[in-house]
Amino acid sequence: MSIADLRKDYQQASLSEADVANNPFQQFGTWFEQALKADVAEANAMSLATVNADGRPTSRIVLIKEFDDRGFSWFTNYDSAKGHDLEKNPFAALLFFWTALERQVRIEGKIEKISDEENDRYFQSRPLGSRQSANASQQSQPIADRHALEQQLAAVVAEFGEQPPRPAHWGGYRLVPEKIEFWQGRSSRLHDRIVYTRNADQQWSISRLQP
C-alpha cells in the first residue's frame, strides 16, 4: 500500500454549534477531561509553532501545564530556539491532536511571559532531576557528545545537590488566544469545525467552518 492510500474514515462522534459551551476554555476543559478519561497517550502534549526573525516557521512538542481564562501555559528555557523566536515574534500557534477521539484543537494568539512568582512555584514542584537538568542544559546549543552533557549535569549536582535554584533563563509562557478551533473528524472528510474568535470587546463569537 502506498502512503497516498493510507486513510481512516472518522465515525466516532459529531460536533454542532448546539453542543459547545459559550466559553472556549470551558469547551477545552470538557474535551481535555474526556481525553484523560479515554487514556489518550500524552493528552497534555501539544505542538507549538513559532516564526523566527527571518519569517521561517518551526514547530515542536511541548507539554501544557495550565489553562484557564487567561490562556494556555507551558515552561521552557527562554534562551532556547523557541524562546528566541518568541522574543522577536510574540505570536504562536498550538495544536492538540487526540487521535483516539478523532479530535484536534487549534489555538492561535499572542504570547506573554509568566510572572517570576508563578515560575518559582512551578519550578519547585518539578522532580529533582528536572530541576537539575534545567540548570545543566543550554537548550538548543551544540554540544560535543552525550558525555559532555552528563558532565554538565554532574557539575550542577556537585554545586547545588538537591536544592538547585531556578535559573534566570527558565520560566513559563502563556498563549493568550485570539482564535480556538475544535475539530471533530467525520465520515467522508466532512469534518465538523467549530471556531471561537475573540472580538474587539473581548467577547467570543462562534461559527462553523467548512472542512
N, C-alpha and C. Protein backbone atom coordinates (compact mmCIF):
# COMPACT_ATOMS: atom_id res chain seq x y z
N MET A 1 0.85 -1.19 0.00
CA MET A 1 0.00 0.00 0.00
C MET A 1 0.89 1.25 0.00
N SER A 2 0.56 2.21 -0.84
CA SER A 2 1.33 3.45 -0.90
C SER A 2 0.88 4.40 0.21
N ILE A 3 1.73 5.37 0.52
CA ILE A 3 1.38 6.37 1.53
C ILE A 3 0.09 7.08 1.15
N ALA A 4 -0.10 7.36 -0.13
CA ALA A 4 -1.29 8.08 -0.58
C ALA A 4 -2.57 7.32 -0.31
N ASP A 5 -2.47 5.99 -0.14
CA ASP A 5 -3.65 5.17 0.12
C ASP A 5 -3.96 5.02 1.60
N LEU A 6 -3.10 5.55 2.47
CA LEU A 6 -3.35 5.46 3.90
C LEU A 6 -4.41 6.47 4.29
N ARG A 7 -5.51 5.99 4.85
CA ARG A 7 -6.58 6.89 5.27
C ARG A 7 -7.47 6.19 6.28
N LYS A 8 -8.18 6.97 7.07
CA LYS A 8 -9.13 6.43 8.04
C LYS A 8 -10.42 7.22 7.94
N ASP A 9 -11.55 6.53 7.97
CA ASP A 9 -12.84 7.19 7.93
C ASP A 9 -13.30 7.43 9.36
N TYR A 10 -13.40 8.69 9.77
CA TYR A 10 -13.73 9.03 11.16
C TYR A 10 -15.24 8.91 11.38
N GLN A 11 -15.62 8.18 12.43
CA GLN A 11 -17.04 7.93 12.66
C GLN A 11 -17.45 7.95 14.12
N GLN A 12 -16.57 8.38 15.02
CA GLN A 12 -16.86 8.24 16.45
C GLN A 12 -17.91 9.21 16.96
N ALA A 13 -17.86 10.45 16.51
CA ALA A 13 -18.69 11.48 17.14
C ALA A 13 -18.98 12.60 16.16
N SER A 14 -19.79 13.55 16.62
CA SER A 14 -20.11 14.74 15.84
C SER A 14 -19.98 15.95 16.75
N LEU A 15 -19.99 17.14 16.15
CA LEU A 15 -19.89 18.37 16.92
C LEU A 15 -20.73 19.44 16.23
N SER A 16 -21.69 20.00 16.94
CA SER A 16 -22.53 21.05 16.38
C SER A 16 -22.47 22.29 17.25
N GLU A 17 -22.96 23.39 16.70
CA GLU A 17 -22.97 24.64 17.44
C GLU A 17 -23.78 24.50 18.73
N ALA A 18 -24.79 23.64 18.71
CA ALA A 18 -25.62 23.44 19.89
C ALA A 18 -24.90 22.65 20.97
N ASP A 19 -23.82 21.93 20.59
CA ASP A 19 -23.11 21.08 21.55
C ASP A 19 -22.13 21.84 22.41
N VAL A 20 -21.58 22.93 21.89
CA VAL A 20 -20.41 23.53 22.53
C VAL A 20 -20.79 24.57 23.58
N ALA A 21 -19.87 24.80 24.52
CA ALA A 21 -20.06 25.81 25.56
C ALA A 21 -19.89 27.21 24.96
N ASN A 22 -20.43 28.20 25.64
CA ASN A 22 -20.27 29.58 25.17
C ASN A 22 -18.83 30.07 25.33
N ASN A 23 -18.11 29.48 26.29
CA ASN A 23 -16.74 29.87 26.58
C ASN A 23 -15.79 28.81 26.04
N PRO A 24 -14.79 29.17 25.22
CA PRO A 24 -13.91 28.15 24.64
C PRO A 24 -13.04 27.45 25.67
N PHE A 25 -12.71 28.12 26.78
CA PHE A 25 -11.91 27.46 27.80
C PHE A 25 -12.71 26.36 28.49
N GLN A 26 -13.99 26.60 28.68
CA GLN A 26 -14.86 25.56 29.23
C GLN A 26 -14.98 24.39 28.25
N GLN A 27 -15.11 24.71 26.96
CA GLN A 27 -15.18 23.66 25.96
C GLN A 27 -13.88 22.86 25.90
N PHE A 28 -12.75 23.55 25.98
CA PHE A 28 -11.47 22.85 26.00
C PHE A 28 -11.38 21.95 27.24
N GLY A 29 -11.80 22.46 28.39
CA GLY A 29 -11.76 21.67 29.60
C GLY A 29 -12.57 20.40 29.48
N THR A 30 -13.73 20.48 28.84
CA THR A 30 -14.58 19.30 28.63
C THR A 30 -13.86 18.28 27.76
N TRP A 31 -13.31 18.74 26.65
CA TRP A 31 -12.61 17.82 25.74
C TRP A 31 -11.34 17.26 26.39
N PHE A 32 -10.61 18.09 27.13
CA PHE A 32 -9.38 17.62 27.77
C PHE A 32 -9.70 16.54 28.80
N GLU A 33 -10.74 16.75 29.57
CA GLU A 33 -11.16 15.76 30.56
C GLU A 33 -11.55 14.46 29.87
N GLN A 34 -12.24 14.55 28.75
CA GLN A 34 -12.62 13.35 28.01
C GLN A 34 -11.41 12.62 27.45
N ALA A 35 -10.39 13.39 27.04
CA ALA A 35 -9.16 12.78 26.55
C ALA A 35 -8.45 12.02 27.67
N LEU A 36 -8.44 12.60 28.86
CA LEU A 36 -7.82 11.92 30.00
C LEU A 36 -8.58 10.65 30.37
N LYS A 37 -9.90 10.72 30.38
CA LYS A 37 -10.71 9.55 30.73
C LYS A 37 -10.57 8.45 29.69
N ALA A 38 -10.29 8.84 28.44
CA ALA A 38 -10.12 7.86 27.37
C ALA A 38 -8.70 7.32 27.32
N ASP A 39 -7.86 7.73 28.29
CA ASP A 39 -6.46 7.29 28.34
C ASP A 39 -5.70 7.60 27.05
N VAL A 40 -6.00 8.77 26.48
CA VAL A 40 -5.24 9.21 25.31
C VAL A 40 -3.78 9.39 25.72
N ALA A 41 -2.88 8.82 24.97
CA ALA A 41 -1.46 8.93 25.29
C ALA A 41 -1.00 10.38 25.21
N GLU A 42 -0.35 10.85 26.28
CA GLU A 42 0.19 12.21 26.32
C GLU A 42 -0.87 13.24 25.89
N ALA A 43 -2.03 13.18 26.54
CA ALA A 43 -3.10 14.11 26.20
C ALA A 43 -2.69 15.56 26.43
N ASN A 44 -1.69 15.77 27.27
CA ASN A 44 -1.20 17.12 27.57
C ASN A 44 -0.13 17.60 26.60
N ALA A 45 0.21 16.78 25.60
CA ALA A 45 1.22 17.16 24.62
C ALA A 45 0.59 18.01 23.52
N MET A 46 1.29 19.08 23.14
CA MET A 46 0.78 19.97 22.10
C MET A 46 1.93 20.42 21.22
N SER A 47 1.63 20.60 19.95
CA SER A 47 2.60 21.16 19.03
C SER A 47 2.61 22.68 19.19
N LEU A 48 3.80 23.25 19.34
CA LEU A 48 3.97 24.69 19.43
C LEU A 48 4.67 25.17 18.17
N ALA A 49 4.03 26.02 17.40
CA ALA A 49 4.61 26.57 16.17
C ALA A 49 4.97 28.03 16.40
N THR A 50 6.22 28.38 16.03
CA THR A 50 6.71 29.74 16.16
C THR A 50 7.31 30.16 14.82
N VAL A 51 7.58 31.47 14.70
CA VAL A 51 8.21 32.01 13.50
C VAL A 51 9.40 32.86 13.93
N ASN A 52 10.56 32.65 13.31
CA ASN A 52 11.75 33.38 13.75
C ASN A 52 11.85 34.76 13.08
N ALA A 53 12.92 35.45 13.37
CA ALA A 53 13.08 36.82 12.88
C ALA A 53 13.17 36.88 11.36
N ASP A 54 13.53 35.77 10.71
CA ASP A 54 13.62 35.72 9.25
C ASP A 54 12.32 35.26 8.60
N GLY A 55 11.28 35.07 9.42
CA GLY A 55 9.99 34.65 8.89
C GLY A 55 9.88 33.17 8.62
N ARG A 56 10.80 32.38 9.16
CA ARG A 56 10.78 30.93 8.94
C ARG A 56 10.09 30.21 10.11
N PRO A 57 9.08 29.39 9.81
CA PRO A 57 8.36 28.71 10.88
C PRO A 57 9.07 27.44 11.33
N THR A 58 8.80 27.06 12.57
CA THR A 58 9.27 25.78 13.09
C THR A 58 8.29 25.32 14.17
N SER A 59 8.30 24.03 14.46
CA SER A 59 7.37 23.51 15.46
C SER A 59 8.04 22.41 16.26
N ARG A 60 7.50 22.17 17.46
CA ARG A 60 7.98 21.13 18.33
C ARG A 60 6.88 20.78 19.33
N ILE A 61 7.02 19.65 20.02
CA ILE A 61 6.05 19.24 21.01
C ILE A 61 6.47 19.74 22.39
N VAL A 62 5.55 20.38 23.09
CA VAL A 62 5.76 20.78 24.48
C VAL A 62 4.55 20.29 25.28
N LEU A 63 4.64 20.39 26.60
CA LEU A 63 3.56 19.90 27.46
C LEU A 63 2.84 21.08 28.11
N ILE A 64 1.53 21.11 27.97
CA ILE A 64 0.75 22.14 28.64
C ILE A 64 0.81 21.90 30.15
N LYS A 65 0.92 22.97 30.91
CA LYS A 65 0.98 22.85 32.36
C LYS A 65 -0.21 23.50 33.06
N GLU A 66 -0.90 24.40 32.36
CA GLU A 66 -2.07 25.05 32.96
C GLU A 66 -2.90 25.68 31.86
N PHE A 67 -4.20 25.72 32.06
CA PHE A 67 -5.06 26.54 31.20
C PHE A 67 -6.18 27.09 32.06
N ASP A 68 -6.53 28.33 31.77
CA ASP A 68 -7.64 29.00 32.43
C ASP A 68 -8.09 30.13 31.51
N ASP A 69 -8.91 31.04 32.01
CA ASP A 69 -9.43 32.10 31.16
C ASP A 69 -8.35 33.06 30.67
N ARG A 70 -7.15 32.98 31.24
CA ARG A 70 -6.05 33.82 30.77
C ARG A 70 -5.37 33.23 29.54
N GLY A 71 -5.37 31.91 29.42
CA GLY A 71 -4.72 31.29 28.28
C GLY A 71 -4.15 29.93 28.60
N PHE A 72 -3.18 29.50 27.78
CA PHE A 72 -2.59 28.16 27.84
C PHE A 72 -1.09 28.30 28.12
N SER A 73 -0.59 27.61 29.15
CA SER A 73 0.76 27.85 29.65
C SER A 73 1.66 26.62 29.56
N TRP A 74 2.95 26.88 29.35
CA TRP A 74 3.98 25.85 29.40
C TRP A 74 5.28 26.51 29.86
N PHE A 75 6.29 25.68 30.17
CA PHE A 75 7.55 26.18 30.70
C PHE A 75 8.71 25.68 29.86
N THR A 76 9.77 26.49 29.80
CA THR A 76 10.90 26.14 28.95
C THR A 76 12.10 27.01 29.29
N ASN A 77 13.14 26.89 28.48
CA ASN A 77 14.34 27.72 28.58
C ASN A 77 14.14 28.95 27.69
N TYR A 78 14.20 30.14 28.27
CA TYR A 78 13.99 31.36 27.49
C TYR A 78 15.09 31.56 26.44
N ASP A 79 16.25 30.92 26.63
CA ASP A 79 17.35 31.06 25.68
C ASP A 79 17.32 29.98 24.59
N SER A 80 16.28 29.17 24.58
CA SER A 80 16.16 28.13 23.56
C SER A 80 15.77 28.75 22.21
N ALA A 81 15.75 27.92 21.17
CA ALA A 81 15.36 28.41 19.84
C ALA A 81 13.95 28.99 19.87
N LYS A 82 13.03 28.31 20.54
CA LYS A 82 11.67 28.84 20.59
C LYS A 82 11.60 30.11 21.40
N GLY A 83 12.44 30.22 22.45
CA GLY A 83 12.49 31.44 23.22
C GLY A 83 12.96 32.62 22.38
N HIS A 84 13.98 32.40 21.56
CA HIS A 84 14.45 33.47 20.67
C HIS A 84 13.39 33.85 19.65
N ASP A 85 12.68 32.84 19.11
CA ASP A 85 11.59 33.13 18.17
C ASP A 85 10.54 34.02 18.81
N LEU A 86 10.12 33.65 20.02
CA LEU A 86 9.04 34.38 20.68
C LEU A 86 9.48 35.77 21.13
N GLU A 87 10.77 35.95 21.37
CA GLU A 87 11.28 37.27 21.70
C GLU A 87 11.14 38.22 20.51
N LYS A 88 11.37 37.70 19.32
CA LYS A 88 11.30 38.51 18.10
C LYS A 88 9.88 38.61 17.55
N ASN A 89 9.12 37.55 17.72
CA ASN A 89 7.77 37.50 17.14
C ASN A 89 6.84 36.85 18.17
N PRO A 90 6.20 37.64 19.04
CA PRO A 90 5.44 37.09 20.17
C PRO A 90 4.04 36.59 19.80
N PHE A 91 3.97 35.84 18.72
CA PHE A 91 2.72 35.19 18.32
C PHE A 91 3.04 33.73 18.02
N ALA A 92 2.09 32.84 18.32
CA ALA A 92 2.35 31.42 18.13
C ALA A 92 1.03 30.68 17.92
N ALA A 93 1.17 29.39 17.59
CA ALA A 93 0.01 28.51 17.42
C ALA A 93 0.26 27.21 18.15
N LEU A 94 -0.79 26.68 18.76
CA LEU A 94 -0.76 25.40 19.46
C LEU A 94 -1.68 24.43 18.74
N LEU A 95 -1.35 23.15 18.80
CA LEU A 95 -2.19 22.12 18.22
C LEU A 95 -2.20 20.90 19.13
N PHE A 96 -3.39 20.51 19.56
CA PHE A 96 -3.60 19.22 20.24
C PHE A 96 -4.21 18.27 19.22
N PHE A 97 -3.69 17.05 19.13
CA PHE A 97 -4.26 16.03 18.26
C PHE A 97 -4.49 14.78 19.08
N TRP A 98 -5.76 14.52 19.38
CA TRP A 98 -6.14 13.35 20.17
C TRP A 98 -6.72 12.31 19.22
N THR A 99 -5.82 11.54 18.61
CA THR A 99 -6.23 10.64 17.54
C THR A 99 -7.24 9.60 18.00
N ALA A 100 -7.14 9.14 19.26
CA ALA A 100 -8.06 8.12 19.75
C ALA A 100 -9.50 8.62 19.77
N LEU A 101 -9.68 9.94 19.88
CA LEU A 101 -11.02 10.53 19.89
C LEU A 101 -11.34 11.21 18.56
N GLU A 102 -10.41 11.13 17.60
CA GLU A 102 -10.60 11.75 16.28
C GLU A 102 -10.85 13.25 16.42
N ARG A 103 -10.01 13.91 17.25
CA ARG A 103 -10.21 15.32 17.55
C ARG A 103 -8.91 16.11 17.45
N GLN A 104 -9.05 17.36 17.06
CA GLN A 104 -7.97 18.33 17.12
C GLN A 104 -8.49 19.60 17.80
N VAL A 105 -7.57 20.31 18.43
CA VAL A 105 -7.86 21.67 18.91
C VAL A 105 -6.71 22.55 18.42
N ARG A 106 -7.06 23.60 17.68
CA ARG A 106 -6.08 24.54 17.14
C ARG A 106 -6.25 25.88 17.85
N ILE A 107 -5.14 26.45 18.31
CA ILE A 107 -5.19 27.67 19.12
C ILE A 107 -4.17 28.65 18.59
N GLU A 108 -4.57 29.90 18.35
CA GLU A 108 -3.67 30.93 17.86
C GLU A 108 -3.79 32.16 18.74
N GLY A 109 -2.66 32.83 18.98
CA GLY A 109 -2.74 34.04 19.79
C GLY A 109 -1.40 34.64 20.10
N LYS A 110 -1.42 35.60 21.02
CA LYS A 110 -0.23 36.33 21.41
C LYS A 110 0.40 35.70 22.64
N ILE A 111 1.72 35.85 22.75
CA ILE A 111 2.48 35.24 23.84
C ILE A 111 2.85 36.28 24.89
N GLU A 112 2.75 35.88 26.15
CA GLU A 112 3.26 36.70 27.24
C GLU A 112 4.04 35.79 28.19
N LYS A 113 5.02 36.38 28.89
CA LYS A 113 5.78 35.61 29.86
C LYS A 113 5.01 35.52 31.18
N ILE A 114 5.21 34.43 31.87
CA ILE A 114 4.58 34.20 33.17
C ILE A 114 5.41 34.89 34.25
N SER A 115 4.77 35.29 35.32
CA SER A 115 5.45 36.03 36.38
C SER A 115 6.51 35.18 37.07
N ASP A 116 7.51 35.85 37.66
CA ASP A 116 8.56 35.14 38.40
C ASP A 116 7.97 34.34 39.56
N GLU A 117 6.94 34.86 40.20
CA GLU A 117 6.31 34.15 41.31
C GLU A 117 5.74 32.81 40.85
N GLU A 118 5.02 32.83 39.71
CA GLU A 118 4.47 31.59 39.17
C GLU A 118 5.58 30.65 38.72
N ASN A 119 6.62 31.22 38.11
CA ASN A 119 7.75 30.40 37.67
C ASN A 119 8.41 29.69 38.84
N ASP A 120 8.66 30.42 39.92
CA ASP A 120 9.29 29.83 41.10
C ASP A 120 8.43 28.72 41.69
N ARG A 121 7.14 28.97 41.78
CA ARG A 121 6.23 27.99 42.37
C ARG A 121 6.21 26.70 41.55
N TYR A 122 6.12 26.83 40.23
CA TYR A 122 6.08 25.62 39.42
C TYR A 122 7.43 24.91 39.42
N PHE A 123 8.53 25.68 39.35
CA PHE A 123 9.85 25.07 39.31
C PHE A 123 10.07 24.19 40.54
N GLN A 124 9.66 24.67 41.70
CA GLN A 124 9.86 23.90 42.93
C GLN A 124 8.99 22.65 42.98
N SER A 125 7.95 22.59 42.17
CA SER A 125 7.08 21.42 42.14
C SER A 125 7.61 20.32 41.23
N ARG A 126 8.63 20.62 40.44
CA ARG A 126 9.16 19.66 39.47
C ARG A 126 10.02 18.60 40.17
N PRO A 127 10.14 17.43 39.56
CA PRO A 127 11.04 16.41 40.11
C PRO A 127 12.47 16.94 40.18
N LEU A 128 13.25 16.42 41.10
CA LEU A 128 14.62 16.88 41.30
C LEU A 128 15.42 16.81 40.00
N GLY A 129 15.33 15.70 39.30
CA GLY A 129 16.10 15.53 38.07
C GLY A 129 15.78 16.60 37.03
N SER A 130 14.51 16.98 36.95
CA SER A 130 14.11 18.02 36.00
C SER A 130 14.69 19.37 36.40
N ARG A 131 14.72 19.65 37.70
CA ARG A 131 15.29 20.91 38.18
C ARG A 131 16.80 20.96 37.93
N GLN A 132 17.44 19.82 38.13
CA GLN A 132 18.88 19.77 37.86
C GLN A 132 19.17 19.93 36.37
N SER A 133 18.38 19.27 35.53
CA SER A 133 18.59 19.37 34.09
C SER A 133 18.37 20.78 33.57
N ALA A 134 17.42 21.50 34.16
CA ALA A 134 17.17 22.87 33.73
C ALA A 134 18.39 23.75 33.95
N ASN A 135 19.17 23.43 34.98
CA ASN A 135 20.40 24.16 35.24
C ASN A 135 21.55 23.68 34.37
N ALA A 136 21.52 22.41 34.01
CA ALA A 136 22.66 21.82 33.31
C ALA A 136 22.65 22.07 31.81
N SER A 137 21.47 22.13 31.20
CA SER A 137 21.38 22.17 29.74
C SER A 137 21.26 23.59 29.21
N GLN A 138 22.09 23.91 28.24
CA GLN A 138 21.96 25.15 27.47
C GLN A 138 21.14 24.81 26.23
N GLN A 139 19.84 24.79 26.40
CA GLN A 139 18.93 24.22 25.41
C GLN A 139 19.12 24.83 24.03
N SER A 140 19.14 23.95 23.03
CA SER A 140 19.27 24.28 21.61
C SER A 140 20.70 24.64 21.19
N GLN A 141 21.66 24.66 22.13
CA GLN A 141 23.05 24.94 21.79
C GLN A 141 23.80 23.64 21.48
N PRO A 142 24.75 23.66 20.55
CA PRO A 142 25.50 22.45 20.22
C PRO A 142 26.34 21.98 21.41
N ILE A 143 26.62 20.67 21.44
CA ILE A 143 27.49 20.10 22.46
C ILE A 143 28.25 18.94 21.82
N ALA A 144 29.44 18.67 22.32
CA ALA A 144 30.32 17.69 21.67
C ALA A 144 29.72 16.29 21.63
N ASP A 145 29.20 15.82 22.77
CA ASP A 145 28.66 14.47 22.82
C ASP A 145 27.85 14.30 24.10
N ARG A 146 27.28 13.12 24.27
CA ARG A 146 26.45 12.84 25.44
C ARG A 146 27.26 12.94 26.73
N HIS A 147 28.50 12.50 26.67
CA HIS A 147 29.34 12.54 27.87
C HIS A 147 29.51 13.97 28.37
N ALA A 148 29.69 14.91 27.45
CA ALA A 148 29.85 16.31 27.85
C ALA A 148 28.58 16.82 28.53
N LEU A 149 27.41 16.41 28.04
CA LEU A 149 26.15 16.80 28.66
C LEU A 149 26.04 16.23 30.07
N GLU A 150 26.42 14.99 30.22
CA GLU A 150 26.37 14.36 31.55
C GLU A 150 27.37 14.99 32.51
N GLN A 151 28.48 15.48 31.99
CA GLN A 151 29.44 16.19 32.83
C GLN A 151 28.85 17.50 33.33
N GLN A 152 28.11 18.18 32.47
CA GLN A 152 27.46 19.42 32.89
C GLN A 152 26.46 19.15 34.00
N LEU A 153 25.72 18.05 33.88
CA LEU A 153 24.77 17.68 34.92
C LEU A 153 25.50 17.35 36.22
N ALA A 154 26.60 16.62 36.13
CA ALA A 154 27.35 16.25 37.33
C ALA A 154 27.87 17.50 38.04
N ALA A 155 28.25 18.51 37.27
CA ALA A 155 28.73 19.75 37.87
C ALA A 155 27.62 20.47 38.64
N VAL A 156 26.41 20.44 38.09
CA VAL A 156 25.26 21.05 38.77
C VAL A 156 24.95 20.30 40.05
N VAL A 157 24.95 18.98 40.00
CA VAL A 157 24.66 18.18 41.19
C VAL A 157 25.71 18.45 42.26
N ALA A 158 26.97 18.54 41.86
CA ALA A 158 28.04 18.79 42.82
C ALA A 158 27.90 20.17 43.47
N GLU A 159 27.44 21.15 42.70
CA GLU A 159 27.35 22.51 43.22
C GLU A 159 26.11 22.73 44.09
N PHE A 160 24.97 22.18 43.65
CA PHE A 160 23.70 22.50 44.32
C PHE A 160 23.07 21.34 45.07
N GLY A 161 23.52 20.12 44.82
CA GLY A 161 22.92 18.97 45.48
C GLY A 161 21.44 18.85 45.14
N GLU A 162 20.61 18.74 46.18
CA GLU A 162 19.17 18.54 45.98
C GLU A 162 18.40 19.85 46.03
N GLN A 163 19.10 20.99 45.99
CA GLN A 163 18.42 22.28 46.03
C GLN A 163 18.85 23.17 44.85
N PRO A 164 18.72 22.69 43.63
CA PRO A 164 19.11 23.53 42.50
C PRO A 164 18.15 24.72 42.36
N PRO A 165 18.66 25.92 42.16
CA PRO A 165 17.78 27.09 42.03
C PRO A 165 17.14 27.16 40.64
N ARG A 166 16.07 27.93 40.54
CA ARG A 166 15.51 28.17 39.21
C ARG A 166 16.44 29.11 38.45
N PRO A 167 16.94 28.68 37.29
CA PRO A 167 17.80 29.57 36.52
C PRO A 167 17.02 30.79 36.02
N ALA A 168 17.69 31.91 35.89
CA ALA A 168 17.03 33.13 35.42
C ALA A 168 16.48 32.96 34.00
N HIS A 169 17.10 32.05 33.24
CA HIS A 169 16.68 31.85 31.84
C HIS A 169 15.56 30.82 31.70
N TRP A 170 15.03 30.33 32.80
CA TRP A 170 14.00 29.29 32.75
C TRP A 170 12.69 29.85 33.29
N GLY A 171 11.60 29.64 32.53
CA GLY A 171 10.30 30.12 33.00
C GLY A 171 9.19 29.76 32.04
N GLY A 172 8.05 30.38 32.26
CA GLY A 172 6.86 30.00 31.51
C GLY A 172 6.41 31.04 30.52
N TYR A 173 5.66 30.53 29.54
CA TYR A 173 4.96 31.38 28.57
C TYR A 173 3.46 31.08 28.66
N ARG A 174 2.68 32.07 28.35
CA ARG A 174 1.24 31.88 28.24
C ARG A 174 0.79 32.37 26.87
N LEU A 175 0.08 31.53 26.14
CA LEU A 175 -0.54 31.96 24.89
C LEU A 175 -1.93 32.48 25.20
N VAL A 176 -2.15 33.76 24.92
CA VAL A 176 -3.45 34.40 25.12
C VAL A 176 -4.21 34.27 23.80
N PRO A 177 -5.21 33.41 23.74
CA PRO A 177 -5.80 33.06 22.44
C PRO A 177 -6.66 34.16 21.83
N GLU A 178 -6.56 34.23 20.52
CA GLU A 178 -7.44 35.07 19.72
C GLU A 178 -8.41 34.22 18.92
N LYS A 179 -8.04 32.95 18.72
CA LYS A 179 -8.88 32.02 17.96
C LYS A 179 -8.64 30.61 18.47
N ILE A 180 -9.72 29.86 18.68
CA ILE A 180 -9.63 28.46 19.11
C ILE A 180 -10.60 27.65 18.27
N GLU A 181 -10.08 26.66 17.58
CA GLU A 181 -10.93 25.82 16.72
C GLU A 181 -11.00 24.40 17.27
N PHE A 182 -12.22 23.88 17.36
CA PHE A 182 -12.45 22.49 17.77
C PHE A 182 -12.85 21.69 16.53
N TRP A 183 -12.07 20.67 16.26
CA TRP A 183 -12.23 19.86 15.04
C TRP A 183 -12.58 18.44 15.42
N GLN A 184 -13.71 17.97 14.91
CA GLN A 184 -14.15 16.60 15.15
C GLN A 184 -14.17 15.87 13.81
N GLY A 185 -13.41 14.79 13.71
CA GLY A 185 -13.39 14.02 12.47
C GLY A 185 -14.75 13.41 12.17
N ARG A 186 -15.14 13.46 10.91
CA ARG A 186 -16.41 12.89 10.45
C ARG A 186 -16.18 12.06 9.19
N SER A 187 -17.15 11.25 8.86
CA SER A 187 -17.06 10.36 7.71
C SER A 187 -16.95 11.16 6.41
N SER A 188 -16.25 10.57 5.43
CA SER A 188 -16.09 11.13 4.09
C SER A 188 -15.43 12.51 4.10
N ARG A 189 -14.65 12.79 5.13
CA ARG A 189 -13.91 14.05 5.25
C ARG A 189 -14.81 15.27 5.42
N LEU A 190 -16.07 15.07 5.76
CA LEU A 190 -16.97 16.20 6.06
C LEU A 190 -16.87 16.49 7.56
N HIS A 191 -15.69 16.90 7.98
CA HIS A 191 -15.41 17.10 9.39
C HIS A 191 -16.19 18.29 9.96
N ASP A 192 -16.43 18.22 11.27
CA ASP A 192 -17.04 19.35 11.98
C ASP A 192 -15.95 20.27 12.50
N ARG A 193 -16.07 21.56 12.20
CA ARG A 193 -15.09 22.56 12.65
C ARG A 193 -15.86 23.73 13.26
N ILE A 194 -15.75 23.87 14.56
CA ILE A 194 -16.38 24.98 15.28
C ILE A 194 -15.27 25.88 15.81
N VAL A 195 -15.33 27.16 15.46
CA VAL A 195 -14.25 28.08 15.81
C VAL A 195 -14.78 29.22 16.67
N TYR A 196 -14.03 29.53 17.73
CA TYR A 196 -14.30 30.69 18.59
C TYR A 196 -13.31 31.79 18.20
N THR A 197 -13.80 33.00 17.99
CA THR A 197 -12.96 34.13 17.66
C THR A 197 -13.19 35.24 18.67
N ARG A 198 -12.10 35.77 19.23
CA ARG A 198 -12.22 36.85 20.22
C ARG A 198 -12.46 38.17 19.51
N ASN A 199 -13.51 38.86 19.90
CA ASN A 199 -13.87 40.14 19.28
C ASN A 199 -13.16 41.30 19.96
N ALA A 200 -13.31 42.49 19.39
CA ALA A 200 -12.67 43.68 19.94
C ALA A 200 -13.11 43.97 21.36
N ASP A 201 -14.34 43.57 21.72
CA ASP A 201 -14.85 43.78 23.08
C ASP A 201 -14.46 42.65 24.03
N GLN A 202 -13.57 41.75 23.56
CA GLN A 202 -13.06 40.61 24.33
C GLN A 202 -14.08 39.50 24.53
N GLN A 203 -15.23 39.61 23.87
CA GLN A 203 -16.20 38.53 23.89
C GLN A 203 -15.90 37.55 22.76
N TRP A 204 -16.48 36.35 22.85
CA TRP A 204 -16.22 35.32 21.86
C TRP A 204 -17.40 35.12 20.93
N SER A 205 -17.13 35.03 19.64
CA SER A 205 -18.16 34.65 18.67
C SER A 205 -17.88 33.23 18.21
N ILE A 206 -18.92 32.51 17.87
CA ILE A 206 -18.82 31.09 17.49
C ILE A 206 -19.34 30.94 16.06
N SER A 207 -18.58 30.23 15.24
CA SER A 207 -19.02 29.99 13.87
C SER A 207 -18.54 28.61 13.41
N ARG A 208 -19.11 28.13 12.33
CA ARG A 208 -18.72 26.86 11.74
C ARG A 208 -17.89 27.12 10.48
N LEU A 209 -16.83 26.35 10.31
CA LEU A 209 -16.02 26.41 9.10
C LEU A 209 -16.26 25.17 8.26
N GLN A 210 -16.18 25.34 6.96
CA GLN A 210 -16.27 24.18 6.07
C GLN A 210 -15.00 23.34 6.19
N PRO A 211 -15.14 22.02 6.05
CA PRO A 211 -13.98 21.15 6.20
C PRO A 211 -13.03 21.26 5.00
